[in-house]
Amino acid sequence: MSKKYDEHQDMDLKGTLVSVFFVGAVIIAMWVIVYLMYVAR
């Protein structure tokens, strides 16, 4: 029973890590776009 729980926990952890990286990438992309627009002005 605990083995299934551990596997489920690992899956959640990987999903959380992927979502955090995705959100971080979106935020960085937004900053880069704003910076490029400011520089090109």
PDB file of N, CA and C in Angstrom:
ATOM      1  N   MET A   1       0.838  -1.200   0.000  1.00  0.00           N
ATOM      2  CA  MET A   1       0.000   0.000   0.000  1.00  0.00           C
ATOM      3  C   MET A   1       0.882   1.263   0.000  1.00  0.00           C
ATOM      4  N   SER A   2       1.916   1.256   0.832  1.00  0.00           N
ATOM      5  CA  SER A   2       2.782   2.430   0.891  1.00  0.00           C
ATOM      6  C   SER A   2       3.558   2.610  -0.415  1.00  0.00           C
ATOM      7  N   LYS A   3       3.829   1.491  -1.118  1.00  0.00           N
ATOM      8  CA  LYS A   3       4.557   1.591  -2.393  1.00  0.00           C
ATOM      9  C   LYS A   3       3.724   2.361  -3.427  1.00  0.00           C
ATOM     10  N   LYS A   4       2.432   2.041  -3.510  1.00  0.00           N
ATOM     11  CA  LYS A   4       1.548   2.779  -4.442  1.00  0.00           C
ATOM     12  C   LYS A   4       1.525   4.257  -4.072  1.00  0.00           C
ATOM     13  N   TYR A   5       1.470   4.557  -2.762  1.00  0.00           N
ATOM     14  CA  TYR A   5       1.435   5.951  -2.316  1.00  0.00           C
ATOM     15  C   TYR A   5       2.717   6.670  -2.733  1.00  0.00           C
ATOM     16  N   ASP A   6       3.852   6.001  -2.578  1.00  0.00           N
ATOM     17  CA  ASP A   6       5.131   6.607  -2.967  1.00  0.00           C
ATOM     18  C   ASP A   6       5.165   6.902  -4.461  1.00  0.00           C
ATOM     19  N   GLU A   7       4.704   5.956  -5.278  1.00  0.00           N
ATOM     20  CA  GLU A   7       4.677   6.180  -6.733  1.00  0.00           C
ATOM     21  C   GLU A   7       3.785   7.366  -7.072  1.00  0.00           C
ATOM     22  N   HIS A   8       2.632   7.423  -6.420  1.00  0.00           N
ATOM     23  CA  HIS A   8       1.707   8.530  -6.664  1.00  0.00           C
ATOM     24  C   HIS A   8       2.372   9.854  -6.260  1.00  0.00           C
ATOM     25  N   GLN A   9       3.080   9.834  -5.140  1.00  0.00           N
ATOM     26  CA  GLN A   9       3.755  11.043  -4.661  1.00  0.00           C
ATOM     27  C   GLN A   9       4.822  11.487  -5.663  1.00  0.00           C
ATOM     28  N   ASP A  10       5.590  10.546  -6.187  1.00  0.00           N
ATOM     29  CA  ASP A  10       6.619  10.879  -7.178  1.00  0.00           C
ATOM     30  C   ASP A  10       5.979  11.508  -8.416  1.00  0.00           C
ATOM     31  N   MET A  11       4.857  10.949  -8.868  1.00  0.00           N
ATOM     32  CA  MET A  11       4.181  11.481 -10.047  1.00  0.00           C
ATOM     33  C   MET A  11       3.722  12.922  -9.780  1.00  0.00           C
ATOM     34  N   ASP A  12       3.147  13.165  -8.607  1.00  0.00           N
ATOM     35  CA  ASP A  12       2.709  14.516  -8.251  1.00  0.00           C
ATOM     36  C   ASP A  12       3.901  15.469  -8.214  1.00  0.00           C
ATOM     37  N   LEU A  13       5.023  14.987  -7.652  1.00  0.00           N
ATOM     38  CA  LEU A  13       6.210  15.829  -7.544  1.00  0.00           C
ATOM     39  C   LEU A  13       6.720  16.218  -8.926  1.00  0.00           C
ATOM     40  N   LYS A  14       6.774  15.262  -9.849  1.00  0.00           N
ATOM     41  CA  LYS A  14       7.221  15.559 -11.222  1.00  0.00           C
ATOM     42  C   LYS A  14       6.262  16.535 -11.895  1.00  0.00           C
ATOM     43  N   GLY A  15       4.976  16.337 -11.719  1.00  0.00           N
ATOM     44  CA  GLY A  15       3.983  17.231 -12.314  1.00  0.00           C
ATOM     45  C   GLY A  15       4.126  18.643 -11.770  1.00  0.00           C
ATOM     46  N   THR A  16       4.356  18.741 -10.463  1.00  0.00           N
ATOM     47  CA  THR A  16       4.536  20.052  -9.839  1.00  0.00           C
ATOM     48  C   THR A  16       5.784  20.722 -10.385  1.00  0.00           C
ATOM     49  N   LEU A  17       6.875  19.967 -10.497  1.00  0.00           N
ATOM     50  CA  LEU A  17       8.136  20.515 -11.012  1.00  0.00           C
ATOM     51  C   LEU A  17       7.953  21.035 -12.438  1.00  0.00           C
ATOM     52  N   VAL A  18       7.285  20.245 -13.275  1.00  0.00           N
ATOM     53  CA  VAL A  18       7.051  20.655 -14.667  1.00  0.00           C
ATOM     54  C   VAL A  18       6.208  21.929 -14.707  1.00  0.00           C
ATOM     55  N   SER A  19       5.152  21.991 -13.900  1.00  0.00           N
ATOM     56  CA  SER A  19       4.287  23.172 -13.912  1.00  0.00           C
ATOM     57  C   SER A  19       5.039  24.405 -13.406  1.00  0.00           C
ATOM     58  N   VAL A  20       5.904  24.234 -12.411  1.00  0.00           N
ATOM     59  CA  VAL A  20       6.685  25.366 -11.895  1.00  0.00           C
ATOM     60  C   VAL A  20       7.636  25.878 -12.975  1.00  0.00           C
ATOM     61  N   PHE A  21       8.330  24.950 -13.667  1.00  0.00           N
ATOM     62  CA  PHE A  21       9.228  25.368 -14.745  1.00  0.00           C
ATOM     63  C   PHE A  21       8.444  26.059 -15.857  1.00  0.00           C
ATOM     64  N   PHE A  22       7.248  25.543 -16.194  1.00  0.00           N
ATOM     65  CA  PHE A  22       6.431  26.139 -17.259  1.00  0.00           C
ATOM     66  C   PHE A  22       6.027  27.568 -16.886  1.00  0.00           C
ATOM     67  N   VAL A  23       5.547  27.750 -15.656  1.00  0.00           N
ATOM     68  CA  VAL A  23       5.139  29.090 -15.206  1.00  0.00           C
ATOM     69  C   VAL A  23       6.344  30.030 -15.191  1.00  0.00           C
ATOM     70  N   GLY A  24       7.490  29.539 -14.728  1.00  0.00           N
ATOM     71  CA  GLY A  24       8.704  30.349 -14.711  1.00  0.00           C
ATOM     72  C   GLY A  24       9.118  30.761 -16.115  1.00  0.00           C
ATOM     73  N   ALA A  25       9.033  29.827 -17.057  1.00  0.00           N
ATOM     74  CA  ALA A  25       9.403  30.132 -18.443  1.00  0.00           C
ATOM     75  C   ALA A  25       8.469  31.198 -19.030  1.00  0.00           C
ATOM     76  N   VAL A  26       7.173  31.104 -18.714  1.00  0.00           N
ATOM     77  CA  VAL A  26       6.210  32.092 -19.214  1.00  0.00           C
ATOM     78  C   VAL A  26       6.534  33.479 -18.642  1.00  0.00           C
ATOM     79  N   ILE A  27       6.833  33.537 -17.347  1.00  0.00           N
ATOM     80  CA  ILE A  27       7.158  34.826 -16.719  1.00  0.00           C
ATOM     81  C   ILE A  27       8.432  35.417 -17.326  1.00  0.00           C
ATOM     82  N   ILE A  28       9.460  34.580 -17.508  1.00  0.00           N
ATOM     83  CA  ILE A  28      10.713  35.058 -18.109  1.00  0.00           C
ATOM     84  C   ILE A  28      10.457  35.545 -19.537  1.00  0.00           C
ATOM     85  N   ALA A  29       9.653  34.798 -20.304  1.00  0.00           N
ATOM     86  CA  ALA A  29       9.341  35.197 -21.679  1.00  0.00           C
ATOM     87  C   ALA A  29       8.638  36.554 -21.687  1.00  0.00           C
ATOM     88  N   MET A  30       7.708  36.770 -20.763  1.00  0.00           N
ATOM     89  CA  MET A  30       7.008  38.056 -20.689  1.00  0.00           C
ATOM     90  C   MET A  30       7.989  39.191 -20.401  1.00  0.00           C
ATOM     91  N   TRP A  31       8.919  38.974 -19.451  1.00  0.00           N
ATOM     92  CA  TRP A  31       9.916  39.996 -19.135  1.00  0.00           C
ATOM     93  C   TRP A  31      10.788  40.294 -20.347  1.00  0.00           C
ATOM     94  N   VAL A  32      11.206  39.241 -21.068  1.00  0.00           N
ATOM     95  CA  VAL A  32      12.063  39.430 -22.250  1.00  0.00           C
ATOM     96  C   VAL A  32      11.317  40.228 -23.316  1.00  0.00           C
ATOM     97  N   ILE A  33      10.050  39.904 -23.543  1.00  0.00           N
ATOM     98  CA  ILE A  33       9.258  40.621 -24.554  1.00  0.00           C
ATOM     99  C   ILE A  33       9.119  42.099 -24.164  1.00  0.00           C
ATOM    100  N   VAL A  34       8.809  42.358 -22.899  1.00  0.00           N
ATOM    101  CA  VAL A  34       8.671  43.747 -22.433  1.00  0.00           C
ATOM    102  C   VAL A  34       9.996  44.488 -22.592  1.00  0.00           C
ATOM    103  N   TYR A  35      11.108  43.843 -22.234  1.00  0.00           N
ATOM    104  CA  TYR A  35      12.427  44.467 -22.355  1.00  0.00           C
ATOM    105  C   TYR A  35      12.766  44.783 -23.809  1.00  0.00           C
ATOM    106  N   LEU A  36      12.493  43.820 -24.697  1.00  0.00           N
ATOM    107  CA  LEU A  36      12.778  44.047 -26.120  1.00  0.00           C
ATOM    108  C   LEU A  36      11.913  45.183 -26.673  1.00  0.00           C
ATOM    109  N   MET A  37      10.652  45.237 -26.261  1.00  0.00           N
ATOM    110  CA  MET A  37       9.787  46.333 -26.706  1.00  0.00           C
ATOM    111  C   MET A  37      10.330  47.672 -26.205  1.00  0.00           C
ATOM    112  N   TYR A  38      10.827  47.698 -24.957  1.00  0.00           N
ATOM    113  CA  TYR A  38      11.388  48.928 -24.385  1.00  0.00           C
ATOM    114  C   TYR A  38      12.658  49.347 -25.128  1.00  0.00           C
ATOM    115  N   VAL A  39      13.514  48.390 -25.439  1.00  0.00           N
ATOM    116  CA  VAL A  39      14.773  48.687 -26.134  1.00  0.00           C
ATOM    117  C   VAL A  39      14.493  49.142 -27.576  1.00  0.00           C
ATOM    118  N   ALA A  40      13.522  48.533 -28.239  1.00  0.00           N
ATOM    119  CA  ALA A  40      13.239  48.834 -29.646  1.00  0.00           C
ATOM    120  C   ALA A  40      12.540  50.179 -29.808  1.00  0.00           C
ATOM    121  N   ARG A  41      12.075  50.766 -28.728  1.00  0.00           N
ATOM    122  CA  ARG A  41      11.272  51.984 -28.777  1.00  0.00           C
ATOM    123  C   ARG A  41      12.079  53.167 -29.260  1.00  0.00           C
TER     124      ARG A  41
END
